[in-house]
Amino acid sequence: MTAPSDEAAAAAAPAPPSPPVPAPGSAPPRSPAAEPDGDGDTPLPAPPPPPPAGPSQAARPAGPPATLDPAFVTDATVTVQRASVWFGHKVALTELSCSFGPGVTGLLGPNGAGKTTLMRAVVGLLPLNEGTVRVLGHDPHRNRDVQRSLAMVPEDEAVPPALTARQLVRYTAALHRVADREAPDRCLGTVGLLDVADRRVGGFSKGMRQRAKIAAALVAEPRVLVLDEPLNGADPVQRVALIDLFRALGDQGRTVIVSSHVLHEVERLASRQIVVVRGRLAAAGQHHAIRDALADRPRSVLVRTPGARELAARLVGLDVVRGVTVDGQSVVVSSLRAGELAALLPRVAREADARLLDVRPLDDSLESVFRELLR
């Protein structure tokens, strides 16, 4: 895969409203109260084998060269061109153009940014009002052959609670006419649920339900795997294991699209990200390029200490500090050189005799990054 350039890409302005398209069907009812996830502390086994060849890609559009636009890749399996979706007067996507290729790509955005709408359009669940989506050169909304190469793990609770995990994965295998009878158990083992495969999904914790949905998605060996907030509800050990699994699937040559609103998680998952804000493309490229686009803006760090005023008085004299505000035991420090500030802070705190209770960045969430990108 040819790496995109390290530039941020801006998207076009919203399209004028047109006649609405009905929203997709309502989400299935939520599962009953979950029980603790006590079965997820073991590392996950190796992922399933590489996917088989899918539909012919002869008709796949080449798309813009990656060297010209970081929102596009040269070996695209999924191409989105000027996609617009609206529901009545609510605009969900506005002339969004990008592409995805083999490997893992992070789809980032705050809640309500349009990530789920874009993912549903990619797998053919939602028609566009304007624009096109092509997967392996075909329209996923109309072409049944290409749908066999697609799988989506929705964030919504779309799992019948009365089914066991094994029944769920076997049912999905039957729908896709999977001939390999060992595939369901193999996929359950891949996500670490084989030992609880005969328990009802309705009694699972949210993290376990997420893993059951991932197993069901993997059973048909999809070439394009779309995951909507797949790490929600997973315990820390399983988050690490699932991240390793998604990266391994990408290394096999699958196209893996993972949405999230947690920046550090996506940076661990994928070096390339597509950033969506208010239905528009806000930035694209390597994660360090997106951060570099904000390099001339101050970063904020929250410091909690009983000696807040003494610490603030010493910090204001440092070259790396742009501003300091004090509120009780909290000090908010603004700096263009956060790395240097982090190195200096312990020494300055010792000199001020200020015991540090908490030090954390205030702008590590995607919401703060997106606010800067839209200014």
Protein backbone atom coordinates (compact mmCIF):
# COMPACT_ATOMS: atom_id res chain seq x y z
CA MET A 1 0.00 0.00 0.00
CA THR A 2 1.31 3.39 -0.96
CA ALA A 3 1.36 5.68 2.03
CA PRO A 4 -0.55 8.95 1.65
CA SER A 5 1.25 12.25 2.00
CA ASP A 6 1.42 13.99 5.36
CA GLU A 7 -0.99 16.78 4.62
CA ALA A 8 -4.41 17.56 6.05
CA ALA A 9 -7.30 17.69 3.54
CA ALA A 10 -10.29 19.98 3.86
CA ALA A 11 -13.75 19.02 2.58
CA ALA A 12 -16.26 20.98 0.51
CA ALA A 13 -19.17 23.08 1.77
CA PRO A 14 -22.61 21.51 2.38
CA ALA A 15 -24.84 20.70 -0.58
CA PRO A 16 -28.26 22.37 -0.81
CA PRO A 17 -31.11 20.28 0.59
CA SER A 18 -32.91 17.87 -1.74
CA PRO A 19 -35.88 15.55 -1.26
CA PRO A 20 -35.28 13.32 1.75
CA VAL A 21 -34.49 9.64 1.70
CA PRO A 22 -36.11 7.55 4.43
CA ALA A 23 -33.76 6.64 7.25
CA PRO A 24 -32.85 2.99 7.65
CA GLY A 25 -34.95 0.75 9.87
CA SER A 26 -34.93 1.29 13.56
CA ALA A 27 -32.25 -0.44 15.60
CA PRO A 28 -33.12 -3.75 17.30
CA PRO A 29 -34.05 -3.59 20.97
CA ARG A 30 -31.22 -3.41 23.47
CA SER A 31 -30.14 -6.49 25.35
CA PRO A 32 -31.10 -7.03 29.00
CA ALA A 33 -28.82 -5.93 31.77
CA ALA A 34 -25.34 -7.30 31.22
CA GLU A 35 -23.32 -9.32 33.64
CA PRO A 36 -19.66 -8.66 34.38
CA ASP A 37 -17.13 -9.61 31.73
CA GLY A 38 -15.18 -12.14 33.66
CA ASP A 39 -14.05 -14.24 30.72
CA GLY A 40 -11.83 -11.86 28.79
CA ASP A 41 -8.43 -11.95 30.49
CA THR A 42 -6.66 -14.35 28.11
CA PRO A 43 -4.74 -13.26 25.00
CA LEU A 44 -6.57 -13.86 21.73
CA PRO A 45 -5.40 -16.59 19.33
CA ALA A 46 -4.17 -15.84 15.83
CA PRO A 47 -6.75 -14.38 13.39
CA PRO A 48 -8.37 -16.48 10.65
CA PRO A 49 -6.53 -17.13 7.36
CA PRO A 50 -6.35 -14.48 4.62
CA PRO A 51 -9.59 -13.86 2.70
CA PRO A 52 -10.31 -15.56 -0.61
CA ALA A 53 -10.44 -13.59 -3.85
CA GLY A 54 -13.60 -11.51 -4.18
CA PRO A 55 -15.40 -9.96 -7.14
CA SER A 56 -13.34 -8.77 -10.07
CA GLN A 57 -11.73 -5.41 -9.50
CA ALA A 58 -11.32 -4.58 -13.16
CA ALA A 59 -14.03 -1.94 -12.95
CA ARG A 60 -12.57 -0.29 -9.86
CA PRO A 61 -11.94 3.43 -10.42
CA ALA A 62 -8.35 4.46 -9.85
CA GLY A 63 -9.23 7.61 -7.90
CA PRO A 64 -6.91 10.58 -7.36
CA PRO A 65 -3.22 9.78 -6.78
CA ALA A 66 -2.28 9.54 -3.12
CA THR A 67 0.50 12.06 -3.72
CA LEU A 68 -2.09 14.69 -4.66
CA ASP A 69 -4.67 14.12 -1.93
CA PRO A 70 -4.06 12.32 1.39
CA ALA A 71 -7.76 11.43 1.54
CA PHE A 72 -7.15 8.89 -1.24
CA VAL A 73 -4.97 5.81 -1.69
CA THR A 74 -3.73 4.37 -4.97
CA ASP A 75 -4.75 0.77 -4.18
CA ALA A 76 -8.29 1.58 -3.04
CA THR A 77 -10.81 -1.18 -2.40
CA VAL A 78 -13.44 1.33 -1.19
CA THR A 79 -13.93 4.66 -2.94
CA VAL A 80 -16.36 7.37 -1.83
CA GLN A 81 -16.97 10.29 -4.20
CA ARG A 82 -18.89 13.44 -3.20
CA ALA A 83 -21.18 11.50 -0.88
CA SER A 84 -24.11 13.45 0.56
CA VAL A 85 -26.85 12.11 2.82
CA TRP A 86 -29.62 13.99 4.56
CA PHE A 87 -32.71 13.07 6.53
CA GLY A 88 -35.28 15.81 6.07
CA HIS A 89 -33.52 19.03 7.11
CA LYS A 90 -30.73 17.19 8.95
CA VAL A 91 -27.56 16.86 6.87
CA ALA A 92 -25.52 13.77 7.81
CA LEU A 93 -22.84 13.85 5.07
CA THR A 94 -21.85 16.67 2.75
CA GLU A 95 -19.90 15.98 -0.47
CA LEU A 96 -17.46 13.73 1.34
CA SER A 97 -14.76 12.11 -0.81
CA CYS A 98 -12.12 9.63 0.35
CA SER A 99 -10.93 6.08 -0.20
CA PHE A 100 -9.76 3.08 1.83
CA GLY A 101 -7.27 0.38 0.89
CA PRO A 102 -5.82 -2.81 2.39
CA GLY A 103 -4.76 -2.41 6.00
CA VAL A 104 -6.38 -0.60 8.90
CA THR A 105 -7.74 2.92 8.52
CA GLY A 106 -9.16 4.86 11.44
CA LEU A 107 -12.39 6.78 10.87
CA LEU A 108 -12.41 9.50 13.49
CA GLY A 109 -15.01 11.99 14.59
CA PRO A 110 -17.00 13.16 17.60
CA ASN A 111 -20.45 11.73 18.26
CA GLY A 112 -22.85 12.83 15.54
CA ALA A 113 -20.08 13.58 13.04
CA GLY A 114 -21.46 11.24 10.35
CA LYS A 115 -19.15 8.25 10.86
CA THR A 116 -21.94 5.68 11.19
CA THR A 117 -23.79 7.13 8.20
CA LEU A 118 -20.65 6.79 6.08
CA MET A 119 -20.05 3.22 7.26
CA ARG A 120 -23.62 2.18 6.51
CA ALA A 121 -23.28 3.66 3.03
CA VAL A 122 -20.02 1.74 2.48
CA VAL A 123 -21.65 -1.62 3.28
CA GLY A 124 -24.77 -0.82 1.23
CA LEU A 125 -27.24 -0.41 4.08
CA LEU A 126 -27.94 3.23 3.27
CA PRO A 127 -28.38 4.83 -0.17
CA LEU A 128 -26.77 8.18 -0.90
CA ASN A 129 -28.78 11.23 -1.87
CA GLU A 130 -25.87 12.33 -4.04
CA GLY A 131 -22.47 10.91 -4.94
CA THR A 132 -21.20 7.35 -5.27
CA VAL A 133 -19.72 4.54 -3.19
CA ARG A 134 -17.79 1.74 -4.87
CA VAL A 135 -16.46 -1.39 -3.17
CA LEU A 136 -14.12 -3.47 -5.34
CA GLY A 137 -15.47 -1.46 -8.25
CA HIS A 138 -19.16 -2.16 -7.57
CA ASP A 139 -22.12 -0.43 -5.92
CA PRO A 140 -22.59 -2.17 -2.55
CA HIS A 141 -26.21 -1.01 -2.33
CA ARG A 142 -27.19 -2.85 -5.53
CA ASN A 143 -24.61 -5.57 -6.17
CA ARG A 144 -25.21 -8.76 -4.16
CA ASP A 145 -21.92 -10.32 -5.19
CA VAL A 146 -19.86 -7.55 -3.60
CA GLN A 147 -21.97 -7.76 -0.45
CA ARG A 148 -20.50 -11.23 0.11
CA SER A 149 -17.12 -9.54 0.51
CA LEU A 150 -18.42 -7.08 3.13
CA ALA A 151 -19.11 -7.31 6.85
CA MET A 152 -20.05 -4.69 9.41
CA VAL A 153 -19.95 -4.75 13.20
CA PRO A 154 -22.48 -2.09 14.26
CA GLU A 155 -22.22 -0.15 17.49
CA ASP A 156 -25.96 -0.68 18.08
CA GLU A 157 -27.15 -3.73 19.99
CA ALA A 158 -28.11 -5.77 16.93
CA VAL A 159 -27.79 -9.22 18.53
CA PRO A 160 -30.88 -11.35 19.45
CA PRO A 161 -30.43 -11.80 23.23
CA ALA A 162 -31.96 -15.31 23.29
CA LEU A 163 -29.26 -16.76 21.03
CA THR A 164 -26.05 -18.22 22.37
CA ALA A 165 -22.78 -16.94 20.94
CA ARG A 166 -22.33 -20.19 19.02
CA GLN A 167 -25.86 -20.01 17.60
CA LEU A 168 -25.30 -16.41 16.52
CA VAL A 169 -22.10 -17.20 14.62
CA ARG A 170 -23.54 -20.41 13.11
CA TYR A 171 -26.63 -18.49 11.98
CA THR A 172 -24.44 -15.89 10.28
CA ALA A 173 -22.40 -18.66 8.65
CA ALA A 174 -25.60 -20.25 7.33
CA LEU A 175 -26.79 -16.93 5.88
CA HIS A 176 -23.50 -16.64 3.99
CA ARG A 177 -23.53 -20.33 3.00
CA VAL A 178 -20.19 -20.97 4.67
CA ALA A 179 -19.34 -24.62 3.97
CA ASP A 180 -16.62 -24.96 6.61
CA ARG A 181 -18.39 -26.36 9.69
CA GLU A 182 -15.40 -25.52 11.88
CA ALA A 183 -15.46 -21.82 10.95
CA PRO A 184 -17.90 -20.67 13.71
CA ASP A 185 -15.87 -22.21 16.54
CA ARG A 186 -12.64 -20.97 15.00
CA CYS A 187 -13.95 -17.39 14.91
CA LEU A 188 -15.28 -17.65 18.48
CA GLY A 189 -11.83 -18.78 19.54
CA THR A 190 -10.28 -15.87 17.67
CA VAL A 191 -12.18 -13.38 19.84
CA GLY A 192 -11.72 -15.39 23.05
CA LEU A 193 -15.33 -16.56 23.49
CA LEU A 194 -15.06 -20.27 22.76
CA ASP A 195 -15.26 -21.22 26.45
CA VAL A 196 -18.54 -19.30 26.87
CA ALA A 197 -19.95 -20.04 23.41
CA ASP A 198 -23.07 -21.76 24.78
CA ARG A 199 -24.11 -18.87 27.01
CA ARG A 200 -26.88 -16.56 25.82
CA VAL A 201 -25.70 -13.30 24.35
CA GLY A 202 -28.32 -11.42 26.39
CA GLY A 203 -26.37 -12.30 29.54
CA PHE A 204 -23.06 -11.04 28.19
CA SER A 205 -21.43 -7.76 29.15
CA LYS A 206 -21.21 -5.11 26.43
CA GLY A 207 -17.61 -5.99 25.73
CA MET A 208 -18.47 -9.66 25.29
CA ARG A 209 -21.39 -8.80 22.99
CA GLN A 210 -19.02 -6.71 20.88
CA ARG A 211 -16.67 -9.68 20.57
CA ALA A 212 -19.57 -11.97 19.62
CA LYS A 213 -20.52 -9.56 16.82
CA ILE A 214 -16.90 -9.50 15.62
CA ALA A 215 -16.84 -13.32 15.51
CA ALA A 216 -20.06 -13.31 13.45
CA ALA A 217 -18.55 -10.77 11.05
CA LEU A 218 -15.37 -12.80 10.57
CA VAL A 219 -17.08 -16.12 9.82
CA ALA A 220 -17.72 -15.26 6.16
CA GLU A 221 -14.07 -14.24 5.57
CA PRO A 222 -14.88 -10.68 4.40
CA ARG A 223 -12.35 -8.73 2.34
CA VAL A 224 -13.74 -5.44 3.69
CA LEU A 225 -14.49 -5.28 7.40
CA VAL A 226 -16.25 -2.21 8.84
CA LEU A 227 -16.20 -1.81 12.63
CA ASP A 228 -18.26 0.89 14.34
CA GLU A 229 -16.74 1.69 17.77
CA PRO A 230 -15.73 -1.98 18.28
CA LEU A 231 -13.75 -1.36 21.48
CA ASN A 232 -16.68 0.06 23.44
CA GLY A 233 -17.22 -1.90 26.63
CA ALA A 234 -14.11 -4.08 26.29
CA ASP A 235 -11.89 -4.45 29.35
CA PRO A 236 -8.27 -3.18 29.08
CA VAL A 237 -6.78 -6.62 28.35
CA GLN A 238 -9.30 -7.34 25.62
CA ARG A 239 -8.89 -3.85 24.12
CA VAL A 240 -5.21 -4.60 23.56
CA ALA A 241 -6.01 -8.05 22.17
CA LEU A 242 -8.68 -6.72 19.79
CA ILE A 243 -6.37 -3.97 18.56
CA ASP A 244 -3.76 -6.64 17.80
CA LEU A 245 -6.43 -8.71 16.01
CA PHE A 246 -7.57 -5.81 13.81
CA ARG A 247 -3.97 -5.01 12.87
CA ALA A 248 -3.33 -8.66 12.01
CA LEU A 249 -6.44 -8.71 9.80
CA GLY A 250 -5.13 -5.62 8.01
CA ASP A 251 -1.73 -7.25 7.56
CA GLN A 252 -3.50 -10.14 5.79
CA GLY A 253 -4.59 -7.73 3.05
CA ARG A 254 -8.11 -7.05 4.26
CA THR A 255 -9.51 -3.54 4.26
CA VAL A 256 -10.37 -2.77 7.88
CA ILE A 257 -12.22 0.47 8.68
CA VAL A 258 -12.47 1.20 12.39
CA SER A 259 -14.40 4.16 13.79
CA SER A 260 -13.65 5.75 17.14
CA HIS A 261 -13.69 9.04 18.99
CA VAL A 262 -10.66 8.18 21.16
CA LEU A 263 -7.50 9.50 19.52
CA HIS A 264 -4.84 7.43 21.29
CA GLU A 265 -6.71 4.17 20.55
CA VAL A 266 -6.88 4.90 16.84
CA GLU A 267 -3.25 5.95 16.73
CA ARG A 268 -2.37 2.49 18.07
CA LEU A 269 -4.68 0.85 15.54
CA ALA A 270 -3.78 2.65 12.35
CA SER A 271 -1.22 5.13 11.09
CA ARG A 272 -3.71 6.52 8.55
CA GLN A 273 -6.86 8.31 9.60
CA ILE A 274 -9.88 9.93 7.97
CA VAL A 275 -11.33 12.68 10.16
CA VAL A 276 -15.02 13.55 9.78
CA VAL A 277 -16.66 16.52 11.49
CA ARG A 278 -20.25 17.70 10.93
CA GLY A 279 -20.59 15.40 7.95
CA ARG A 280 -17.55 16.82 6.17
CA LEU A 281 -14.00 15.65 5.63
CA ALA A 282 -11.93 17.67 8.11
CA ALA A 283 -8.52 16.04 7.67
CA ALA A 284 -6.84 12.92 6.29
CA GLY A 285 -3.44 11.29 6.35
CA GLN A 286 -0.97 9.94 8.86
CA HIS A 287 -1.86 10.75 12.46
CA HIS A 288 1.32 12.77 12.98
CA ALA A 289 0.40 14.92 9.94
CA ILE A 290 -2.95 15.72 11.52
CA ARG A 291 -1.24 16.62 14.79
CA ASP A 292 1.34 18.68 12.89
CA ALA A 293 -1.51 20.66 11.34
CA LEU A 294 -2.21 21.86 14.88
CA ALA A 295 1.44 22.48 15.77
CA ASP A 296 1.06 26.25 15.82
CA ARG A 297 -1.77 26.06 18.34
CA PRO A 298 -1.14 25.87 22.09
CA ARG A 299 -1.69 22.55 23.89
CA SER A 300 -3.27 22.64 27.32
CA VAL A 301 -2.20 20.59 30.34
CA LEU A 302 -4.12 20.34 33.61
CA VAL A 303 -2.03 20.12 36.79
CA ARG A 304 -3.62 19.53 40.20
CA THR A 305 -1.55 20.43 43.26
CA PRO A 306 -2.11 21.96 46.74
CA GLY A 307 0.56 24.51 45.82
CA ALA A 308 -1.22 25.73 42.70
CA ARG A 309 -0.35 29.44 43.08
CA GLU A 310 3.31 28.78 43.91
CA LEU A 311 3.65 26.45 40.91
CA ALA A 312 1.88 28.88 38.57
CA ALA A 313 4.18 31.71 39.66
CA ARG A 314 7.22 29.69 38.59
CA LEU A 315 5.68 28.40 35.37
CA VAL A 316 4.87 31.84 33.96
CA GLY A 317 8.58 32.59 33.69
CA LEU A 318 9.33 29.63 31.41
CA ASP A 319 9.87 30.16 27.68
CA VAL A 320 7.81 27.09 26.82
CA VAL A 321 4.71 28.42 28.62
CA ARG A 322 2.21 30.57 26.70
CA GLY A 323 -0.26 31.07 29.54
CA VAL A 324 -1.29 29.89 33.00
CA THR A 325 -4.66 29.96 34.76
CA VAL A 326 -5.31 28.97 38.38
CA ASP A 327 -8.58 27.70 39.87
CA GLY A 328 -8.27 26.39 43.41
CA GLN A 329 -5.87 23.44 43.28
CA SER A 330 -5.98 23.28 39.47
CA VAL A 331 -3.47 24.90 37.13
CA VAL A 332 -4.06 24.91 33.37
CA VAL A 333 -0.84 25.47 31.42
CA SER A 334 -0.84 26.41 27.72
CA SER A 335 2.27 25.61 25.66
CA LEU A 336 3.37 25.17 22.05
CA ARG A 337 6.09 22.75 23.20
CA ALA A 338 4.25 20.24 25.33
CA GLY A 339 7.15 17.78 25.31
CA GLU A 340 9.56 20.30 26.83
CA LEU A 341 6.93 21.35 29.35
CA ALA A 342 6.51 17.73 30.46
CA ALA A 343 10.27 17.45 31.02
CA LEU A 344 10.47 20.70 32.99
CA LEU A 345 7.35 20.29 35.13
CA PRO A 346 8.75 17.88 37.79
CA ARG A 347 11.77 20.11 38.44
CA VAL A 348 9.66 23.25 38.67
CA ALA A 349 7.22 21.49 41.02
CA ARG A 350 10.09 20.50 43.32
CA GLU A 351 11.42 24.05 43.36
CA ALA A 352 7.93 25.36 44.22
CA ASP A 353 7.46 22.61 46.86
CA ALA A 354 4.23 21.72 45.05
CA ARG A 355 3.19 18.06 45.28
CA LEU A 356 1.67 16.94 41.98
CA LEU A 357 -1.65 15.13 42.38
CA ASP A 358 -2.60 14.87 38.72
CA VAL A 359 -1.10 15.84 35.36
CA ARG A 360 -3.03 15.22 32.15
CA PRO A 361 -3.56 16.81 28.72
CA LEU A 362 -6.84 18.57 28.11
CA ASP A 363 -6.69 18.33 24.32
CA ASP A 364 -6.03 14.63 23.77
CA SER A 365 -9.67 13.95 22.94
CA LEU A 366 -10.78 14.12 19.32
CA GLU A 367 -13.39 16.73 20.12
CA SER A 368 -10.66 19.26 20.96
CA VAL A 369 -8.67 18.34 17.84
CA PHE A 370 -11.77 18.73 15.70
CA ARG A 371 -12.58 22.11 17.20
CA GLU A 372 -9.12 23.29 16.18
CA LEU A 373 -9.45 21.85 12.66
CA LEU A 374 -12.71 23.73 12.08
CA ARG A 375 -11.50 27.14 13.26
